[in-house]
PDB file of N, CA and C in Angstrom:
ATOM      1  N   MET A   1      91.195  56.366  47.037  1.00  0.00           N
ATOM      2  CA  MET A   1      90.167  55.557  46.397  1.00  0.00           C
ATOM      3  C   MET A   1      88.828  55.847  47.081  1.00  0.00           C
ATOM      4  N   THR A   2      87.813  56.036  46.284  1.00  0.00           N
ATOM      5  CA  THR A   2      86.469  56.271  46.805  1.00  0.00           C
ATOM      6  C   THR A   2      85.786  54.942  47.054  1.00  0.00           C
ATOM      7  N   GLY A   3      85.098  54.839  48.156  1.00  0.00           N
ATOM      8  CA  GLY A   3      84.347  53.627  48.443  1.00  0.00           C
ATOM      9  C   GLY A   3      84.251  53.376  49.932  1.00  0.00           C
ATOM     10  N   VAL A   4      83.659  52.235  50.252  1.00  0.00           N
ATOM     11  CA  VAL A   4      83.451  51.832  51.639  1.00  0.00           C
ATOM     12  C   VAL A   4      84.227  50.537  51.882  1.00  0.00           C
ATOM     13  N   VAL A   5      85.099  50.557  52.879  1.00  0.00           N
ATOM     14  CA  VAL A   5      85.921  49.389  53.196  1.00  0.00           C
ATOM     15  C   VAL A   5      85.090  48.368  53.969  1.00  0.00           C
ATOM     16  N   VAL A   6      85.147  47.124  53.528  1.00  0.00           N
ATOM     17  CA  VAL A   6      84.460  46.026  54.206  1.00  0.00           C
ATOM     18  C   VAL A   6      85.282  45.648  55.434  1.00  0.00           C
ATOM     19  N   THR A   7      84.646  45.659  56.604  1.00  0.00           N
ATOM     20  CA  THR A   7      85.360  45.339  57.841  1.00  0.00           C
ATOM     21  C   THR A   7      84.931  44.024  58.453  1.00  0.00           C
ATOM     22  N   SER A   8      83.794  43.475  57.982  1.00  0.00           N
ATOM     23  CA  SER A   8      83.315  42.217  58.544  1.00  0.00           C
ATOM     24  C   SER A   8      82.392  41.530  57.541  1.00  0.00           C
ATOM     25  N   VAL A   9      82.618  40.237  57.335  1.00  0.00           N
ATOM     26  CA  VAL A   9      81.767  39.443  56.450  1.00  0.00           C
ATOM     27  C   VAL A   9      81.409  38.152  57.177  1.00  0.00           C
ATOM     28  N   ASP A  10      80.133  37.881  57.291  1.00  0.00           N
ATOM     29  CA  ASP A  10      79.672  36.625  57.896  1.00  0.00           C
ATOM     30  C   ASP A  10      80.161  35.487  57.011  1.00  0.00           C
ATOM     31  N   PRO A  11      80.956  34.571  57.551  1.00  0.00           N
ATOM     32  CA  PRO A  11      81.509  33.486  56.733  1.00  0.00           C
ATOM     33  C   PRO A  11      80.453  32.560  56.134  1.00  0.00           C
ATOM     34  N   ASN A  12      79.243  32.584  56.663  1.00  0.00           N
ATOM     35  CA  ASN A  12      78.166  31.743  56.148  1.00  0.00           C
ATOM     36  C   ASN A  12      77.222  32.490  55.218  1.00  0.00           C
ATOM     37  N   SER A  13      77.570  33.717  54.844  1.00  0.00           N
ATOM     38  CA  SER A  13      76.687  34.558  54.047  1.00  0.00           C
ATOM     39  C   SER A  13      76.902  34.358  52.551  1.00  0.00           C
ATOM     40  N   GLU A  14      75.920  34.821  51.797  1.00  0.00           N
ATOM     41  CA  GLU A  14      76.027  34.815  50.335  1.00  0.00           C
ATOM     42  C   GLU A  14      77.217  35.674  49.896  1.00  0.00           C
ATOM     43  N   ALA A  15      77.415  36.809  50.569  1.00  0.00           N
ATOM     44  CA  ALA A  15      78.527  37.698  50.219  1.00  0.00           C
ATOM     45  C   ALA A  15      79.863  36.961  50.336  1.00  0.00           C
ATOM     46  N   ALA A  16      80.040  36.200  51.404  1.00  0.00           N
ATOM     47  CA  ALA A  16      81.275  35.433  51.579  1.00  0.00           C
ATOM     48  C   ALA A  16      81.410  34.366  50.496  1.00  0.00           C
ATOM     49  N   ARG A  17      80.315  33.691  50.185  1.00  0.00           N
ATOM     50  CA  ARG A  17      80.361  32.664  49.132  1.00  0.00           C
ATOM     51  C   ARG A  17      80.732  33.255  47.778  1.00  0.00           C
ATOM     52  N   LYS A  18      80.393  34.522  47.586  1.00  0.00           N
ATOM     53  CA  LYS A  18      80.714  35.186  46.312  1.00  0.00           C
ATOM     54  C   LYS A  18      82.065  35.882  46.346  1.00  0.00           C
ATOM     55  N   GLY A  19      82.802  35.713  47.450  1.00  0.00           N
ATOM     56  CA  GLY A  19      84.181  36.194  47.504  1.00  0.00           C
ATOM     57  C   GLY A  19      84.405  37.527  48.169  1.00  0.00           C
ATOM     58  N   LEU A  20      83.373  38.140  48.743  1.00  0.00           N
ATOM     59  CA  LEU A  20      83.560  39.406  49.453  1.00  0.00           C
ATOM     60  C   LEU A  20      84.299  39.120  50.752  1.00  0.00           C
ATOM     61  N   LYS A  21      85.320  39.929  51.041  1.00  0.00           N
ATOM     62  CA  LYS A  21      86.103  39.677  52.249  1.00  0.00           C
ATOM     63  C   LYS A  21      86.561  40.990  52.882  1.00  0.00           C
ATOM     64  N   ASN A  22      87.009  40.883  54.127  1.00  0.00           N
ATOM     65  CA  ASN A  22      87.523  42.046  54.852  1.00  0.00           C
ATOM     66  C   ASN A  22      88.602  42.719  54.025  1.00  0.00           C
ATOM     67  N   GLY A  23      88.561  44.042  53.987  1.00  0.00           N
ATOM     68  CA  GLY A  23      89.560  44.807  53.249  1.00  0.00           C
ATOM     69  C   GLY A  23      89.129  45.167  51.844  1.00  0.00           C
ATOM     70  N   ASP A  24      88.126  44.465  51.289  1.00  0.00           N
ATOM     71  CA  ASP A  24      87.597  44.843  49.979  1.00  0.00           C
ATOM     72  C   ASP A  24      86.966  46.226  50.091  1.00  0.00           C
ATOM     73  N   VAL A  25      86.858  46.916  48.966  1.00  0.00           N
ATOM     74  CA  VAL A  25      86.260  48.246  48.944  1.00  0.00           C
ATOM     75  C   VAL A  25      85.056  48.215  48.008  1.00  0.00           C
ATOM     76  N   ILE A  26      83.883  48.522  48.557  1.00  0.00           N
ATOM     77  CA  ILE A  26      82.673  48.621  47.744  1.00  0.00           C
ATOM     78  C   ILE A  26      82.671  50.015  47.142  1.00  0.00           C
ATOM     79  N   LYS A  27      82.722  50.072  45.799  1.00  0.00           N
ATOM     80  CA  LYS A  27      82.808  51.360  45.117  1.00  0.00           C
ATOM     81  C   LYS A  27      81.459  51.855  44.603  1.00  0.00           C
ATOM     82  N   ARG A  28      80.612  50.921  44.199  1.00  0.00           N
ATOM     83  CA  ARG A  28      79.284  51.277  43.699  1.00  0.00           C
ATOM     84  C   ARG A  28      78.295  50.204  44.094  1.00  0.00           C
ATOM     85  N   VAL A  29      77.060  50.617  44.318  1.00  0.00           N
ATOM     86  CA  VAL A  29      75.940  49.695  44.508  1.00  0.00           C
ATOM     87  C   VAL A  29      74.858  50.173  43.553  1.00  0.00           C
ATOM     88  N   GLY A  30      74.493  49.307  42.617  1.00  0.00           N
ATOM     89  CA  GLY A  30      73.588  49.735  41.560  1.00  0.00           C
ATOM     90  C   GLY A  30      74.287  50.810  40.747  1.00  0.00           C
ATOM     91  N   SER A  31      73.607  51.906  40.503  1.00  0.00           N
ATOM     92  CA  SER A  31      74.205  52.989  39.724  1.00  0.00           C
ATOM     93  C   SER A  31      74.794  54.082  40.610  1.00  0.00           C
ATOM     94  N   ARG A  32      74.779  53.871  41.918  1.00  0.00           N
ATOM     95  CA  ARG A  32      75.231  54.904  42.859  1.00  0.00           C
ATOM     96  C   ARG A  32      76.660  54.642  43.340  1.00  0.00           C
ATOM     97  N   THR A  33      77.521  55.653  43.192  1.00  0.00           N
ATOM     98  CA  THR A  33      78.856  55.608  43.775  1.00  0.00           C
ATOM     99  C   THR A  33      78.706  55.773  45.277  1.00  0.00           C
ATOM    100  N   VAL A  34      79.396  54.944  46.045  1.00  0.00           N
ATOM    101  CA  VAL A  34      79.283  55.017  47.503  1.00  0.00           C
ATOM    102  C   VAL A  34      80.555  55.598  48.105  1.00  0.00           C
ATOM    103  N   ARG A  35      80.362  56.443  49.106  1.00  0.00           N
ATOM    104  CA  ARG A  35      81.482  57.088  49.785  1.00  0.00           C
ATOM    105  C   ARG A  35      81.477  56.820  51.288  1.00  0.00           C
ATOM    106  N   GLN A  36      80.316  56.375  51.785  1.00  0.00           N
ATOM    107  CA  GLN A  36      80.180  56.096  53.213  1.00  0.00           C
ATOM    108  C   GLN A  36      79.172  54.962  53.388  1.00  0.00           C
ATOM    109  N   PRO A  37      79.210  54.285  54.531  1.00  0.00           N
ATOM    110  CA  PRO A  37      78.304  53.147  54.734  1.00  0.00           C
ATOM    111  C   PRO A  37      76.836  53.484  54.504  1.00  0.00           C
ATOM    112  N   ALA A  38      76.413  54.688  54.850  1.00  0.00           N
ATOM    113  CA  ALA A  38      75.011  55.067  54.651  1.00  0.00           C
ATOM    114  C   ALA A  38      74.620  55.027  53.177  1.00  0.00           C
ATOM    115  N   ASP A  39      75.578  55.280  52.272  1.00  0.00           N
ATOM    116  CA  ASP A  39      75.296  55.216  50.832  1.00  0.00           C
ATOM    117  C   ASP A  39      74.961  53.787  50.413  1.00  0.00           C
ATOM    118  N   VAL A  40      75.651  52.814  50.987  1.00  0.00           N
ATOM    119  CA  VAL A  40      75.380  51.405  50.688  1.00  0.00           C
ATOM    120  C   VAL A  40      73.971  51.058  51.170  1.00  0.00           C
ATOM    121  N   SER A  41      73.670  51.418  52.413  1.00  0.00           N
ATOM    122  CA  SER A  41      72.339  51.138  52.973  1.00  0.00           C
ATOM    123  C   SER A  41      71.248  51.793  52.152  1.00  0.00           C
ATOM    124  N   ARG A  42      71.466  53.045  51.750  1.00  0.00           N
ATOM    125  CA  ARG A  42      70.463  53.778  50.975  1.00  0.00           C
ATOM    126  C   ARG A  42      70.234  53.105  49.624  1.00  0.00           C
ATOM    127  N   SER A  43      71.284  52.678  48.976  1.00  0.00           N
ATOM    128  CA  SER A  43      71.156  52.009  47.678  1.00  0.00           C
ATOM    129  C   SER A  43      70.377  50.710  47.795  1.00  0.00           C
ATOM    130  N   ILE A  44      70.646  49.950  48.844  1.00  0.00           N
ATOM    131  CA  ILE A  44      69.927  48.689  49.071  1.00  0.00           C
ATOM    132  C   ILE A  44      68.459  48.966  49.373  1.00  0.00           C
ATOM    133  N   GLU A  45      68.203  49.964  50.198  1.00  0.00           N
ATOM    134  CA  GLU A  45      66.817  50.307  50.533  1.00  0.00           C
ATOM    135  C   GLU A  45      66.059  50.797  49.295  1.00  0.00           C
ATOM    136  N   ASP A  46      66.712  51.583  48.448  1.00  0.00           N
ATOM    137  CA  ASP A  46      66.080  52.047  47.199  1.00  0.00           C
ATOM    138  C   ASP A  46      65.726  50.860  46.304  1.00  0.00           C
ATOM    139  N   ALA A  47      66.627  49.881  46.227  1.00  0.00           N
ATOM    140  CA  ALA A  47      66.371  48.692  45.403  1.00  0.00           C
ATOM    141  C   ALA A  47      65.191  47.898  45.970  1.00  0.00           C
ATOM    142  N   LYS A  48      65.106  47.774  47.305  1.00  0.00           N
ATOM    143  CA  LYS A  48      63.967  47.098  47.944  1.00  0.00           C
ATOM    144  C   LYS A  48      62.666  47.794  47.590  1.00  0.00           C
ATOM    145  N   GLN A  49      62.669  49.119  47.721  1.00  0.00           N
ATOM    146  CA  GLN A  49      61.470  49.897  47.439  1.00  0.00           C
ATOM    147  C   GLN A  49      61.037  49.751  45.981  1.00  0.00           C
ATOM    148  N   ALA A  50      62.008  49.542  45.087  1.00  0.00           N
ATOM    149  CA  ALA A  50      61.709  49.377  43.668  1.00  0.00           C
ATOM    150  C   ALA A  50      61.295  47.939  43.343  1.00  0.00           C
ATOM    151  N   GLY A  51      61.274  47.061  44.364  1.00  0.00           N
ATOM    152  CA  GLY A  51      60.848  45.684  44.165  1.00  0.00           C
ATOM    153  C   GLY A  51      61.933  44.762  43.635  1.00  0.00           C
ATOM    154  N   ARG A  52      63.169  45.199  43.687  1.00  0.00           N
ATOM    155  CA  ARG A  52      64.271  44.354  43.207  1.00  0.00           C
ATOM    156  C   ARG A  52      64.616  43.290  44.244  1.00  0.00           C
ATOM    157  N   GLU A  53      65.099  42.167  43.766  1.00  0.00           N
ATOM    158  CA  GLU A  53      65.504  41.076  44.651  1.00  0.00           C
ATOM    159  C   GLU A  53      67.008  41.020  44.859  1.00  0.00           C
ATOM    160  N   SER A  54      67.761  41.809  44.062  1.00  0.00           N
ATOM    161  CA  SER A  54      69.212  41.805  44.191  1.00  0.00           C
ATOM    162  C   SER A  54      69.778  43.164  43.784  1.00  0.00           C
ATOM    163  N   VAL A  55      71.039  43.380  44.150  1.00  0.00           N
ATOM    164  CA  VAL A  55      71.772  44.570  43.736  1.00  0.00           C
ATOM    165  C   VAL A  55      73.108  44.125  43.154  1.00  0.00           C
ATOM    166  N   LEU A  56      73.648  44.954  42.290  1.00  0.00           N
ATOM    167  CA  LEU A  56      74.951  44.703  41.709  1.00  0.00           C
ATOM    168  C   LEU A  56      75.941  45.664  42.351  1.00  0.00           C
ATOM    169  N   ALA A  57      77.000  45.124  42.935  1.00  0.00           N
ATOM    170  CA  ALA A  57      78.003  45.950  43.604  1.00  0.00           C
ATOM    171  C   ALA A  57      79.333  45.843  42.872  1.00  0.00           C
ATOM    172  N   LEU A  58      79.991  46.997  42.683  1.00  0.00           N
ATOM    173  CA  LEU A  58      81.343  47.020  42.136  1.00  0.00           C
ATOM    174  C   LEU A  58      82.290  47.019  43.321  1.00  0.00           C
ATOM    175  N   VAL A  59      83.143  46.001  43.378  1.00  0.00           N
ATOM    176  CA  VAL A  59      84.031  45.786  44.520  1.00  0.00           C
ATOM    177  C   VAL A  59      85.473  45.741  44.042  1.00  0.00           C
ATOM    178  N   ALA A  60      86.354  46.446  44.751  1.00  0.00           N
ATOM    179  CA  ALA A  60      87.789  46.395  44.466  1.00  0.00           C
ATOM    180  C   ALA A  60      88.466  45.600  45.574  1.00  0.00           C
ATOM    181  N   GLY A  61      89.360  44.706  45.174  1.00  0.00           N
ATOM    182  CA  GLY A  61      90.073  43.888  46.149  1.00  0.00           C
ATOM    183  C   GLY A  61      91.425  43.470  45.598  1.00  0.00           C
ATOM    184  N   ASP A  62      92.009  42.475  46.228  1.00  0.00           N
ATOM    185  CA  ASP A  62      93.330  41.989  45.835  1.00  0.00           C
ATOM    186  C   ASP A  62      93.408  41.584  44.367  1.00  0.00           C
ATOM    187  N   GLU A  63      92.312  41.043  43.844  1.00  0.00           N
ATOM    188  CA  GLU A  63      92.310  40.556  42.465  1.00  0.00           C
ATOM    189  C   GLU A  63      91.771  41.575  41.480  1.00  0.00           C
ATOM    190  N   GLY A  64      91.691  42.848  41.873  1.00  0.00           N
ATOM    191  CA  GLY A  64      91.199  43.910  41.003  1.00  0.00           C
ATOM    192  C   GLY A  64      89.733  44.194  41.244  1.00  0.00           C
ATOM    193  N   GLU A  65      89.119  44.890  40.304  1.00  0.00           N
ATOM    194  CA  GLU A  65      87.705  45.222  40.432  1.00  0.00           C
ATOM    195  C   GLU A  65      86.844  44.134  39.818  1.00  0.00           C
ATOM    196  N   ARG A  66      85.681  43.913  40.455  1.00  0.00           N
ATOM    197  CA  ARG A  66      84.743  42.924  39.940  1.00  0.00           C
ATOM    198  C   ARG A  66      83.338  43.311  40.379  1.00  0.00           C
ATOM    199  N   PHE A  67      82.353  42.823  39.654  1.00  0.00           N
ATOM    200  CA  PHE A  67      80.965  43.029  40.032  1.00  0.00           C
ATOM    201  C   PHE A  67      80.467  41.786  40.771  1.00  0.00           C
ATOM    202  N   ILE A  68      79.701  42.010  41.828  1.00  0.00           N
ATOM    203  CA  ILE A  68      79.094  40.920  42.595  1.00  0.00           C
ATOM    204  C   ILE A  68      77.593  41.206  42.690  1.00  0.00           C
ATOM    205  N   ALA A  69      76.792  40.244  42.290  1.00  0.00           N
ATOM    206  CA  ALA A  69      75.331  40.353  42.445  1.00  0.00           C
ATOM    207  C   ALA A  69      74.972  39.751  43.795  1.00  0.00           C
ATOM    208  N   LEU A  70      74.255  40.533  44.593  1.00  0.00           N
ATOM    209  CA  LEU A  70      73.885  40.091  45.932  1.00  0.00           C
ATOM    210  C   LEU A  70      72.379  40.168  46.116  1.00  0.00           C
ATOM    211  N   ARG A  71      71.805  39.087  46.648  1.00  0.00           N
ATOM    212  CA  ARG A  71      70.377  39.095  46.983  1.00  0.00           C
ATOM    213  C   ARG A  71      70.122  40.061  48.121  1.00  0.00           C
ATOM    214  N   ILE A  72      68.986  40.722  48.059  1.00  0.00           N
ATOM    215  CA  ILE A  72      68.585  41.654  49.117  1.00  0.00           C
ATOM    216  C   ILE A  72      67.761  40.886  50.136  1.00  0.00           C
ATOM    217  N   ALA A  73      68.157  41.008  51.395  1.00  0.00           N
ATOM    218  CA  ALA A  73      67.373  40.378  52.470  1.00  0.00           C
ATOM    219  C   ALA A  73      66.057  41.114  52.601  1.00  0.00           C
ATOM    220  N   GLN A  74      64.975  40.367  52.553  1.00  0.00           N
ATOM    221  CA  GLN A  74      63.649  40.955  52.696  1.00  0.00           C
ATOM    222  C   GLN A  74      63.235  40.909  54.153  1.00  0.00           C
ATOM    223  N   GLY A  75      62.516  41.940  54.554  1.00  0.00           N
ATOM    224  CA  GLY A  75      62.021  41.922  55.925  1.00  0.00           C
ATOM    225  C   GLY A  75      62.397  43.106  56.725  1.00  0.00           C
TER     226      GLY A  75
END
């Protein structure tokens, strides 16, 4: 399976509230397929540069694949 395995999620984060958890696999961020952690960072940085406030991530986990919209931290 192509993607980046989630190894840590802050339990107080938006990602955790939206159901992202350890062991999930991030397969895409925006329109970019991710294969390594740097791909996730690059996609988020590209969205920031484009003035977006959030990104859409395709995540595979125990309950199958789902899309999660995540706010981008500014700063």
